[in-house]
Amino acid sequence: MRSSTLVVLVCMAASPAMPAPLATITCEAPKGTSSYYGVLGSERVKAAGTHVAPPLNHLGGPEKDGYSQRLTFLLDSSRKKLTRIWVESDADRKQREDAKALGVAVSDPPTAVDLPVVAYSTDVITAAESGLTYLKGSSMYSFYPKLGVMFMSVQFLEVDGQLARQSAMFARCDFSWSGKP
C-alpha cells in the first residue's frame, strides 16, 4: 500500500463521519422589493455636480429587488445549522467573464456560509445571518416547507454608511428530505 493511500485512510478513520443533511432546499432566485432611508449616492453626486446642498435624508421606495442566482440550503440533521450555497447563474457567470475580459476587477461568487437555525418546526424553519462580511447588516431566511416557499429579509447599511436599506423577497423552493422533518 502506498503511503499516500495510507494517509488518506488514516485521516478518514480518525475523523467523524459527516452526517447527511436532513433536507436539501433548492430555491428559485428570490424576488421582491426594497426600501431605503437616507440619501442615494446618485442624489449626492448630482447635488455635488450642480453645487447645491444634497437633499435631506428621506424614505424611498418600494422598488423592485431580487437576485439572479438560485439558492441552495442544506439543513443539518441536528436541525441547528443551515448551510447557504449561492449558485451562480449563467447570466452572472457571463457578465463576470465579460467584465474580466475588459480588465474590470470582479469578485468571485459568494461561497457557502453556515447559519444558525433560530426556530424549527414542520411548518417553518428560520435561520439568521448577522455581521454580513460584504454589508453592515443582517439577513433572515424563513422556509415554509408545506407551502414550498422561502421568505428572505435583508437589512443593511450601504458601504458609505449614508443609506439604510431593507429588502423583502420570496422564492419558490423544492424541499428534499432524507429523513422525517
Protein backbone atom coordinates (compact mmCIF):
# COMPACT_ATOMS: atom_id res chain seq x y z
CA MET A 1 0.00 0.00 0.00
CA ARG A 2 1.42 3.38 -0.94
CA SER A 3 1.98 5.89 1.86
CA SER A 4 -0.37 8.49 0.33
CA THR A 5 -3.19 5.95 0.31
CA LEU A 6 -2.45 5.04 3.93
CA VAL A 7 -2.57 8.71 4.97
CA VAL A 8 -5.99 9.13 3.35
CA LEU A 9 -7.31 6.00 5.05
CA VAL A 10 -5.96 7.06 8.45
CA CYS A 11 -7.47 10.56 8.09
CA MET A 12 -10.82 9.09 7.09
CA ALA A 13 -10.84 6.69 10.01
CA ALA A 14 -9.75 9.35 12.52
CA SER A 15 -12.35 11.96 11.58
CA PRO A 16 -16.01 11.59 12.48
CA ALA A 17 -18.36 10.84 9.62
CA MET A 18 -20.16 13.84 8.21
CA PRO A 19 -23.88 13.20 8.63
CA ALA A 20 -26.08 13.56 5.57
CA PRO A 21 -28.22 16.69 5.57
CA LEU A 22 -31.77 16.23 6.82
CA ALA A 23 -33.02 18.36 3.93
CA THR A 24 -31.75 19.95 0.76
CA ILE A 25 -33.72 23.08 -0.10
CA THR A 26 -33.34 24.45 -3.63
CA CYS A 27 -34.92 27.85 -4.30
CA GLU A 28 -35.52 29.92 -7.39
CA ALA A 29 -33.90 33.35 -7.48
CA PRO A 30 -35.59 35.46 -4.75
CA LYS A 31 -37.67 38.42 -5.99
CA GLY A 32 -39.34 41.23 -4.06
CA THR A 33 -38.98 44.86 -3.11
CA SER A 34 -36.66 47.14 -1.18
CA SER A 35 -36.98 50.49 0.54
CA TYR A 36 -34.38 52.83 1.97
CA TYR A 37 -33.85 55.74 4.31
CA GLY A 38 -31.11 58.27 3.61
CA VAL A 39 -29.78 59.96 0.51
CA LEU A 40 -28.94 57.88 -2.56
CA GLY A 41 -25.38 58.12 -3.87
CA SER A 42 -26.74 59.33 -7.23
CA GLU A 43 -28.57 62.17 -5.43
CA ARG A 44 -25.36 63.18 -3.63
CA VAL A 45 -23.34 63.10 -6.89
CA LYS A 46 -25.99 65.15 -8.72
CA ALA A 47 -26.05 67.74 -5.89
CA ALA A 48 -22.24 68.00 -5.90
CA GLY A 49 -22.21 68.40 -9.71
CA THR A 50 -24.69 71.25 -9.57
CA HIS A 51 -23.11 72.84 -6.48
CA VAL A 52 -26.27 72.57 -4.38
CA ALA A 53 -26.79 71.06 -0.97
CA PRO A 54 -27.69 67.36 -1.09
CA PRO A 55 -31.28 66.54 -0.20
CA LEU A 56 -32.16 65.70 3.39
CA ASN A 57 -32.49 62.09 4.45
CA HIS A 58 -35.78 60.69 3.21
CA LEU A 59 -37.71 57.44 2.83
CA GLY A 60 -37.56 55.94 -0.65
CA GLY A 61 -39.13 53.01 -2.39
CA PRO A 62 -40.53 50.50 -2.65
CA GLU A 63 -38.58 49.45 -5.72
CA LYS A 64 -38.18 46.05 -7.36
CA ASP A 65 -35.36 43.98 -5.91
CA GLY A 66 -34.09 40.47 -6.23
CA TYR A 67 -31.26 38.10 -7.04
CA SER A 68 -30.42 36.39 -10.29
CA GLN A 69 -28.92 33.35 -8.53
CA ARG A 70 -30.74 30.26 -7.39
CA LEU A 71 -30.09 29.44 -3.74
CA THR A 72 -29.44 26.05 -2.19
CA PHE A 73 -29.60 25.34 1.54
CA LEU A 74 -28.58 22.22 3.46
CA LEU A 75 -30.32 21.63 6.79
CA ASP A 76 -28.11 19.54 9.06
CA SER A 77 -29.56 16.54 10.86
CA SER A 78 -29.41 18.30 14.25
CA ARG A 79 -31.82 20.95 12.88
CA LYS A 80 -29.49 23.61 14.37
CA LYS A 81 -27.48 24.64 11.29
CA LEU A 82 -28.39 25.63 7.75
CA THR A 83 -25.69 25.97 5.10
CA ARG A 84 -26.46 28.55 2.40
CA ILE A 85 -24.87 27.95 -1.00
CA TRP A 86 -25.04 30.53 -3.78
CA VAL A 87 -25.28 29.01 -7.25
CA GLU A 88 -24.02 31.39 -9.90
CA SER A 89 -26.41 31.80 -12.85
CA ASP A 90 -25.23 31.53 -16.46
CA ALA A 91 -26.03 35.23 -16.94
CA ASP A 92 -23.95 36.20 -13.88
CA ARG A 93 -21.08 33.98 -14.99
CA LYS A 94 -21.10 35.57 -18.48
CA GLN A 95 -21.26 39.08 -17.01
CA ARG A 96 -18.32 38.31 -14.69
CA GLU A 97 -16.27 36.81 -17.56
CA ASP A 98 -17.05 39.80 -19.83
CA ALA A 99 -16.01 42.23 -17.09
CA LYS A 100 -12.74 40.33 -16.52
CA ALA A 101 -12.06 40.40 -20.28
CA LEU A 102 -12.40 44.20 -20.15
CA GLY A 103 -9.91 44.35 -17.28
CA VAL A 104 -12.52 45.17 -14.64
CA ALA A 105 -11.76 43.74 -11.19
CA VAL A 106 -14.62 41.47 -10.15
CA SER A 107 -15.05 39.35 -7.06
CA ASP A 108 -15.75 35.64 -7.09
CA PRO A 109 -19.29 34.47 -6.36
CA PRO A 110 -20.21 34.13 -2.68
CA THR A 111 -19.30 30.83 -1.05
CA ALA A 112 -21.15 28.55 1.32
CA VAL A 113 -22.00 30.03 4.72
CA ASP A 114 -23.27 28.24 7.85
CA LEU A 115 -26.24 29.93 9.52
CA PRO A 116 -27.76 29.15 12.93
CA VAL A 117 -31.34 27.88 12.88
CA VAL A 118 -33.23 30.08 15.34
CA ALA A 119 -36.64 28.38 15.03
CA TYR A 120 -37.64 24.95 13.77
CA SER A 121 -40.99 23.24 13.30
CA THR A 122 -42.55 21.23 10.50
CA ASP A 123 -44.36 24.43 9.44
CA VAL A 124 -41.47 26.92 9.45
CA ILE A 125 -37.67 26.82 9.59
CA THR A 126 -35.93 30.14 10.30
CA ALA A 127 -32.21 30.88 10.10
CA ALA A 128 -30.43 34.18 10.77
CA GLU A 129 -27.24 35.74 9.49
CA SER A 130 -25.62 38.73 11.14
CA GLY A 131 -22.41 40.62 10.62
CA LEU A 132 -22.54 40.20 6.87
CA THR A 133 -19.00 40.48 5.56
CA TYR A 134 -19.94 42.42 2.43
CA LEU A 135 -22.59 44.61 4.07
CA LYS A 136 -23.13 46.05 7.53
CA GLY A 137 -26.35 44.26 8.33
CA SER A 138 -28.26 41.04 8.76
CA SER A 139 -30.48 38.59 6.90
CA MET A 140 -33.24 36.24 7.94
CA TYR A 141 -34.46 33.25 5.95
CA SER A 142 -37.82 31.64 6.79
CA PHE A 143 -38.79 28.46 4.95
CA TYR A 144 -42.35 27.16 4.73
CA PRO A 145 -41.98 23.52 3.58
CA LYS A 146 -45.73 22.86 3.27
CA LEU A 147 -46.13 25.94 1.03
CA GLY A 148 -42.90 25.37 -0.88
CA VAL A 149 -41.60 28.93 -0.36
CA MET A 150 -38.91 30.93 1.39
CA PHE A 151 -39.23 34.47 2.72
CA MET A 152 -35.94 36.37 2.90
CA SER A 153 -35.41 39.72 4.59
CA VAL A 154 -32.19 41.71 4.46
CA GLN A 155 -31.40 44.92 6.36
CA PHE A 156 -28.09 46.70 5.85
CA LEU A 157 -26.18 49.94 5.84
CA GLU A 158 -24.67 50.73 2.45
CA VAL A 159 -20.89 50.85 2.14
CA ASP A 160 -20.56 54.62 2.68
CA GLY A 161 -22.80 54.45 5.77
CA GLN A 162 -25.20 57.09 4.49
CA LEU A 163 -28.13 54.91 3.48
CA ALA A 164 -30.03 52.18 5.34
CA ARG A 165 -31.81 49.68 3.09
CA GLN A 166 -34.16 46.78 3.66
CA SER A 167 -35.32 44.14 1.22
CA ALA A 168 -38.12 41.59 1.44
CA MET A 169 -38.19 38.75 -1.08
CA PHE A 170 -39.93 35.46 -1.74
CA ALA A 171 -38.78 32.42 -3.71
CA ARG A 172 -40.38 29.12 -4.63
CA CYS A 173 -38.41 26.19 -3.20
CA ASP A 174 -38.17 22.42 -3.53
CA PHE A 175 -37.64 20.53 -0.27
CA SER A 176 -35.89 17.16 -0.49
CA TRP A 177 -35.97 15.31 2.86
CA SER A 178 -33.63 12.45 3.72
CA GLY A 179 -35.48 11.76 6.96
CA LYS A 180 -38.54 12.77 8.93
CA PRO A 181 -38.98 16.58 9.04
